[in-house]
Amino acid sequence: MRPSLIELGDVKALEGEPGEAFLATARDATLLVEACANAGVGAALLYPENLPGAFFDLSSGQAGEILQKLRNYHVRLAVVCAPGRVSFSSRFGEMMAEERRGREFGVFESRDAALEWLGR
């Protein structure tokens, strides 16, 4: 899967295809950084299937490694995840609460909410 460029109002980002795999491991975060650089954007909108299976289990290290790589290259990430779609580890929930203070990473229940956040 290749993410596609979306431009909606003030939002210009790469969007993953719902239901399609993209990042198999945390090391693949480089693929997202490269895709964003090639498209000239600093944001991505992904779905749970686009991320490694263990991303939402903070003890796996997948989320930390991916998010650090994206921060290093100034790429914001919005993940669209409907309620009940995936199970978050308790520590992942704590991390999300902390992340709400910043602008680099967010998890949203709908694509519209994610796009609104990316447009800020």
N, C-alpha and C. Protein backbone atom coordinates (compact mmCIF):
# COMPACT_ATOMS: atom_id res chain seq x y z
N MET A 1 0.83 -1.18 0.00
CA MET A 1 0.00 0.00 0.00
C MET A 1 0.87 1.24 0.00
N ARG A 2 0.45 2.20 -0.74
CA ARG A 2 1.07 3.52 -0.72
C ARG A 2 0.06 4.53 -0.21
N PRO A 3 0.46 5.36 0.72
CA PRO A 3 -0.48 6.39 1.18
C PRO A 3 -0.75 7.38 0.05
N SER A 4 -1.95 7.94 0.03
CA SER A 4 -2.30 8.90 -1.01
C SER A 4 -2.34 10.31 -0.43
N LEU A 5 -2.05 11.26 -1.28
CA LEU A 5 -2.04 12.67 -0.88
C LEU A 5 -3.48 13.16 -0.82
N ILE A 6 -3.81 13.81 0.29
CA ILE A 6 -5.12 14.44 0.41
C ILE A 6 -4.92 15.93 0.67
N GLU A 7 -5.77 16.72 0.09
CA GLU A 7 -5.76 18.17 0.30
C GLU A 7 -7.20 18.59 0.50
N LEU A 8 -7.55 18.89 1.73
CA LEU A 8 -8.90 19.32 2.07
C LEU A 8 -8.81 20.61 2.86
N GLY A 9 -9.16 21.71 2.25
CA GLY A 9 -9.04 23.00 2.93
C GLY A 9 -7.60 23.28 3.29
N ASP A 10 -7.36 23.49 4.58
CA ASP A 10 -6.01 23.77 5.06
C ASP A 10 -5.19 22.52 5.32
N VAL A 11 -5.78 21.35 5.14
CA VAL A 11 -5.10 20.10 5.46
C VAL A 11 -4.47 19.50 4.21
N LYS A 12 -3.19 19.25 4.32
CA LYS A 12 -2.45 18.55 3.27
C LYS A 12 -1.67 17.45 3.98
N ALA A 13 -1.99 16.19 3.68
CA ALA A 13 -1.39 15.07 4.39
C ALA A 13 -1.40 13.83 3.51
N LEU A 14 -0.69 12.83 3.98
CA LEU A 14 -0.77 11.51 3.34
C LEU A 14 -1.76 10.68 4.13
N GLU A 15 -2.60 9.93 3.41
CA GLU A 15 -3.60 9.09 4.07
C GLU A 15 -3.41 7.65 3.68
N GLY A 16 -3.39 6.79 4.68
CA GLY A 16 -3.33 5.36 4.44
C GLY A 16 -4.67 4.85 3.96
N GLU A 17 -4.66 3.70 3.36
CA GLU A 17 -5.89 3.05 2.88
C GLU A 17 -6.48 2.22 4.02
N PRO A 18 -7.72 2.51 4.43
CA PRO A 18 -8.32 1.70 5.50
C PRO A 18 -8.32 0.22 5.11
N GLY A 19 -7.96 -0.62 6.07
CA GLY A 19 -7.97 -2.05 5.83
C GLY A 19 -6.71 -2.61 5.17
N GLU A 20 -5.77 -1.76 4.82
CA GLU A 20 -4.54 -2.19 4.14
C GLU A 20 -3.34 -2.07 5.06
N ALA A 21 -2.44 -3.03 4.99
CA ALA A 21 -1.19 -2.97 5.77
C ALA A 21 -0.24 -1.96 5.14
N PHE A 22 0.55 -1.30 5.97
CA PHE A 22 1.56 -0.36 5.48
C PHE A 22 2.85 -0.51 6.27
N LEU A 23 2.82 -0.22 7.55
CA LEU A 23 4.02 -0.33 8.39
C LEU A 23 3.98 -1.68 9.10
N ALA A 24 4.83 -2.60 8.70
CA ALA A 24 4.85 -3.93 9.32
C ALA A 24 5.59 -3.92 10.64
N THR A 25 6.62 -3.11 10.75
CA THR A 25 7.41 -2.99 11.97
C THR A 25 7.72 -1.52 12.22
N ALA A 26 8.23 -1.22 13.39
CA ALA A 26 8.58 0.16 13.71
C ALA A 26 9.65 0.70 12.78
N ARG A 27 10.53 -0.18 12.30
CA ARG A 27 11.58 0.27 11.38
C ARG A 27 11.00 0.84 10.09
N ASP A 28 9.80 0.43 9.75
CA ASP A 28 9.15 0.91 8.53
C ASP A 28 8.68 2.35 8.63
N ALA A 29 8.80 2.96 9.81
CA ALA A 29 8.42 4.37 9.96
C ALA A 29 9.19 5.24 8.97
N THR A 30 10.37 4.79 8.60
CA THR A 30 11.17 5.52 7.61
C THR A 30 10.41 5.63 6.28
N LEU A 31 9.63 4.60 5.94
CA LEU A 31 8.84 4.65 4.71
C LEU A 31 7.83 5.79 4.74
N LEU A 32 7.22 5.99 5.90
CA LEU A 32 6.26 7.08 6.04
C LEU A 32 6.95 8.43 5.99
N VAL A 33 8.09 8.55 6.65
CA VAL A 33 8.85 9.79 6.61
C VAL A 33 9.26 10.12 5.18
N GLU A 34 9.75 9.13 4.45
CA GLU A 34 10.16 9.34 3.06
C GLU A 34 8.98 9.73 2.18
N ALA A 35 7.84 9.06 2.37
CA ALA A 35 6.65 9.38 1.58
C ALA A 35 6.19 10.81 1.84
N CYS A 36 6.21 11.24 3.10
CA CYS A 36 5.83 12.60 3.44
C CYS A 36 6.79 13.61 2.83
N ALA A 37 8.08 13.33 2.92
CA ALA A 37 9.08 14.23 2.34
C ALA A 37 8.90 14.33 0.83
N ASN A 38 8.68 13.22 0.17
CA ASN A 38 8.49 13.22 -1.28
C ASN A 38 7.24 13.98 -1.70
N ALA A 39 6.21 13.94 -0.86
CA ALA A 39 4.96 14.64 -1.16
C ALA A 39 4.97 16.09 -0.67
N GLY A 40 5.99 16.45 0.10
CA GLY A 40 6.08 17.81 0.62
C GLY A 40 5.06 18.10 1.71
N VAL A 41 4.74 17.09 2.52
CA VAL A 41 3.77 17.28 3.60
C VAL A 41 4.41 16.91 4.94
N GLY A 42 3.82 17.43 6.00
CA GLY A 42 4.33 17.14 7.34
C GLY A 42 3.32 16.45 8.21
N ALA A 43 2.39 15.72 7.57
CA ALA A 43 1.35 15.05 8.36
C ALA A 43 0.88 13.78 7.66
N ALA A 44 0.40 12.85 8.49
CA ALA A 44 -0.14 11.60 7.96
C ALA A 44 -1.40 11.24 8.73
N LEU A 45 -2.32 10.62 8.03
CA LEU A 45 -3.56 10.13 8.61
C LEU A 45 -3.59 8.63 8.32
N LEU A 46 -3.50 7.83 9.37
CA LEU A 46 -3.45 6.38 9.21
C LEU A 46 -4.58 5.70 9.96
N TYR A 47 -4.78 4.44 9.66
CA TYR A 47 -5.79 3.60 10.29
C TYR A 47 -5.07 2.46 11.00
N PRO A 48 -5.72 1.81 11.97
CA PRO A 48 -5.03 0.75 12.72
C PRO A 48 -4.37 -0.31 11.85
N GLU A 49 -5.00 -0.66 10.73
CA GLU A 49 -4.45 -1.70 9.85
C GLU A 49 -3.16 -1.24 9.17
N ASN A 50 -2.93 0.08 9.11
CA ASN A 50 -1.73 0.63 8.49
C ASN A 50 -0.52 0.54 9.41
N LEU A 51 -0.77 0.21 10.67
CA LEU A 51 0.29 0.20 11.69
C LEU A 51 0.63 -1.23 12.09
N PRO A 52 1.82 -1.43 12.69
CA PRO A 52 2.15 -2.77 13.18
C PRO A 52 1.10 -3.25 14.18
N GLY A 53 0.86 -4.54 14.21
CA GLY A 53 -0.15 -5.11 15.09
C GLY A 53 0.03 -4.76 16.55
N ALA A 54 1.26 -4.62 17.00
CA ALA A 54 1.53 -4.35 18.42
C ALA A 54 1.61 -2.85 18.73
N PHE A 55 1.28 -2.00 17.78
CA PHE A 55 1.40 -0.56 17.98
C PHE A 55 0.65 -0.09 19.23
N PHE A 56 -0.54 -0.62 19.47
CA PHE A 56 -1.38 -0.14 20.57
C PHE A 56 -1.05 -0.79 21.91
N ASP A 57 -0.03 -1.63 21.94
CA ASP A 57 0.49 -2.21 23.18
C ASP A 57 1.82 -1.52 23.46
N LEU A 58 1.79 -0.56 24.33
CA LEU A 58 2.97 0.28 24.56
C LEU A 58 4.19 -0.53 24.97
N SER A 59 4.00 -1.67 25.63
CA SER A 59 5.14 -2.47 26.07
C SER A 59 5.92 -3.07 24.89
N SER A 60 5.33 -3.10 23.71
CA SER A 60 6.02 -3.65 22.54
C SER A 60 7.12 -2.73 22.04
N GLY A 61 7.03 -1.45 22.35
CA GLY A 61 8.01 -0.48 21.86
C GLY A 61 7.71 0.03 20.47
N GLN A 62 6.73 -0.57 19.78
CA GLN A 62 6.42 -0.16 18.40
C GLN A 62 5.97 1.30 18.33
N ALA A 63 5.02 1.68 19.17
CA ALA A 63 4.52 3.06 19.14
C ALA A 63 5.63 4.05 19.46
N GLY A 64 6.39 3.79 20.49
CA GLY A 64 7.46 4.71 20.88
C GLY A 64 8.47 4.92 19.78
N GLU A 65 8.88 3.84 19.14
CA GLU A 65 9.88 3.95 18.07
C GLU A 65 9.33 4.70 16.86
N ILE A 66 8.10 4.39 16.49
CA ILE A 66 7.49 5.07 15.34
C ILE A 66 7.29 6.55 15.63
N LEU A 67 6.71 6.85 16.79
CA LEU A 67 6.44 8.25 17.12
C LEU A 67 7.72 9.07 17.26
N GLN A 68 8.77 8.47 17.80
CA GLN A 68 10.04 9.20 17.91
C GLN A 68 10.61 9.51 16.54
N LYS A 69 10.55 8.54 15.63
CA LYS A 69 11.05 8.77 14.26
C LYS A 69 10.25 9.90 13.60
N LEU A 70 8.94 9.88 13.75
CA LEU A 70 8.11 10.93 13.15
C LEU A 70 8.41 12.29 13.78
N ARG A 71 8.61 12.33 15.09
CA ARG A 71 8.97 13.60 15.74
C ARG A 71 10.31 14.12 15.22
N ASN A 72 11.26 13.23 15.07
CA ASN A 72 12.58 13.64 14.59
C ASN A 72 12.50 14.35 13.24
N TYR A 73 11.53 13.94 12.42
CA TYR A 73 11.39 14.51 11.08
C TYR A 73 10.17 15.42 10.97
N HIS A 74 9.60 15.81 12.10
CA HIS A 74 8.50 16.78 12.15
C HIS A 74 7.29 16.34 11.32
N VAL A 75 6.91 15.08 11.50
CA VAL A 75 5.72 14.55 10.83
C VAL A 75 4.67 14.29 11.90
N ARG A 76 3.54 14.95 11.78
CA ARG A 76 2.41 14.75 12.69
C ARG A 76 1.64 13.51 12.27
N LEU A 77 1.08 12.79 13.23
CA LEU A 77 0.34 11.58 12.93
C LEU A 77 -1.02 11.58 13.61
N ALA A 78 -2.06 11.41 12.79
CA ALA A 78 -3.43 11.21 13.29
C ALA A 78 -3.83 9.79 12.93
N VAL A 79 -4.34 9.05 13.91
CA VAL A 79 -4.81 7.69 13.68
C VAL A 79 -6.33 7.67 13.88
N VAL A 80 -7.04 7.16 12.87
CA VAL A 80 -8.49 7.05 12.95
C VAL A 80 -8.81 5.66 13.46
N CYS A 81 -9.42 5.61 14.64
CA CYS A 81 -9.70 4.33 15.28
C CYS A 81 -11.05 4.40 15.96
N ALA A 82 -12.04 3.80 15.34
CA ALA A 82 -13.40 3.81 15.91
C ALA A 82 -13.39 3.09 17.27
N PRO A 83 -14.25 3.50 18.18
CA PRO A 83 -14.31 2.86 19.50
C PRO A 83 -14.51 1.35 19.39
N GLY A 84 -13.76 0.62 20.19
CA GLY A 84 -13.87 -0.83 20.22
C GLY A 84 -13.17 -1.55 19.09
N ARG A 85 -12.55 -0.83 18.21
CA ARG A 85 -11.88 -1.46 17.05
C ARG A 85 -10.60 -2.17 17.43
N VAL A 86 -9.83 -1.58 18.33
CA VAL A 86 -8.60 -2.21 18.82
C VAL A 86 -8.57 -2.09 20.34
N SER A 87 -7.77 -2.93 20.95
CA SER A 87 -7.59 -2.87 22.40
C SER A 87 -6.30 -2.10 22.68
N PHE A 88 -6.41 -1.07 23.50
CA PHE A 88 -5.25 -0.30 23.92
C PHE A 88 -4.74 -0.87 25.23
N SER A 89 -3.43 -0.97 25.36
CA SER A 89 -2.87 -1.33 26.66
C SER A 89 -3.11 -0.16 27.61
N SER A 90 -3.08 -0.42 28.91
CA SER A 90 -3.31 0.65 29.87
C SER A 90 -2.27 1.76 29.72
N ARG A 91 -1.05 1.38 29.46
CA ARG A 91 0.02 2.38 29.30
C ARG A 91 -0.18 3.19 28.01
N PHE A 92 -0.74 2.57 26.98
CA PHE A 92 -1.01 3.31 25.75
C PHE A 92 -2.04 4.40 26.03
N GLY A 93 -3.06 4.06 26.82
CA GLY A 93 -4.05 5.06 27.21
C GLY A 93 -3.43 6.22 27.97
N GLU A 94 -2.49 5.92 28.84
CA GLU A 94 -1.78 6.97 29.57
C GLU A 94 -0.98 7.84 28.62
N MET A 95 -0.33 7.21 27.65
CA MET A 95 0.45 7.97 26.67
C MET A 95 -0.47 8.89 25.86
N MET A 96 -1.63 8.39 25.46
CA MET A 96 -2.56 9.21 24.69
C MET A 96 -3.01 10.43 25.50
N ALA A 97 -3.25 10.24 26.79
CA ALA A 97 -3.64 11.37 27.63
C ALA A 97 -2.54 12.43 27.64
N GLU A 98 -1.31 12.00 27.72
CA GLU A 98 -0.17 12.92 27.69
C GLU A 98 -0.04 13.59 26.33
N GLU A 99 -0.25 12.84 25.27
CA GLU A 99 -0.12 13.36 23.91
C GLU A 99 -1.17 14.42 23.58
N ARG A 100 -2.30 14.39 24.26
CA ARG A 100 -3.35 15.38 23.98
C ARG A 100 -2.87 16.80 24.23
N ARG A 101 -1.83 16.95 25.01
CA ARG A 101 -1.27 18.28 25.29
C ARG A 101 -0.48 18.82 24.11
N GLY A 102 0.01 17.94 23.27
CA GLY A 102 0.85 18.37 22.15
C GLY A 102 0.11 18.32 20.83
N ARG A 103 0.87 18.46 19.76
CA ARG A 103 0.30 18.50 18.42
C ARG A 103 0.91 17.46 17.48
N GLU A 104 1.68 16.51 18.01
CA GLU A 104 2.38 15.57 17.14
C GLU A 104 1.62 14.29 16.86
N PHE A 105 0.78 13.83 17.82
CA PHE A 105 0.12 12.54 17.67
C PHE A 105 -1.25 12.58 18.32
N GLY A 106 -2.21 11.99 17.63
CA GLY A 106 -3.56 11.89 18.20
C GLY A 106 -4.30 10.69 17.63
N VAL A 107 -5.22 10.16 18.42
CA VAL A 107 -6.09 9.06 18.00
C VAL A 107 -7.52 9.61 18.02
N PHE A 108 -8.24 9.38 16.93
CA PHE A 108 -9.55 9.98 16.76
C PHE A 108 -10.58 8.94 16.35
N GLU A 109 -11.83 9.18 16.73
CA GLU A 109 -12.90 8.23 16.43
C GLU A 109 -13.38 8.30 14.99
N SER A 110 -13.12 9.42 14.31
CA SER A 110 -13.58 9.56 12.94
C SER A 110 -12.53 10.26 12.08
N ARG A 111 -12.64 10.06 10.80
CA ARG A 111 -11.74 10.72 9.85
C ARG A 111 -11.92 12.23 9.93
N ASP A 112 -13.17 12.70 10.04
CA ASP A 112 -13.42 14.14 10.12
C ASP A 112 -12.75 14.76 11.34
N ALA A 113 -12.79 14.08 12.49
CA ALA A 113 -12.14 14.61 13.69
C ALA A 113 -10.63 14.66 13.50
N ALA A 114 -10.07 13.64 12.86
CA ALA A 114 -8.63 13.63 12.60
C ALA A 114 -8.23 14.75 11.67
N LEU A 115 -9.02 14.97 10.63
CA LEU A 115 -8.71 16.05 9.68
C LEU A 115 -8.82 17.42 10.34
N GLU A 116 -9.80 17.57 11.20
CA GLU A 116 -9.94 18.83 11.93
C GLU A 116 -8.71 19.10 12.78
N TRP A 117 -8.23 18.07 13.50
CA TRP A 117 -7.04 18.21 14.33
C TRP A 117 -5.80 18.53 13.48
N LEU A 118 -5.66 17.85 12.35
CA LEU A 118 -4.52 18.11 11.48
C LEU A 118 -4.54 19.53 10.92
N GLY A 119 -5.73 20.10 10.77
CA GLY A 119 -5.86 21.45 10.24
C GLY A 119 -5.55 22.55 11.23
N ARG A 120 -5.32 22.19 12.49
CA ARG A 120 -5.01 23.21 13.51
C ARG A 120 -3.56 23.61 13.46
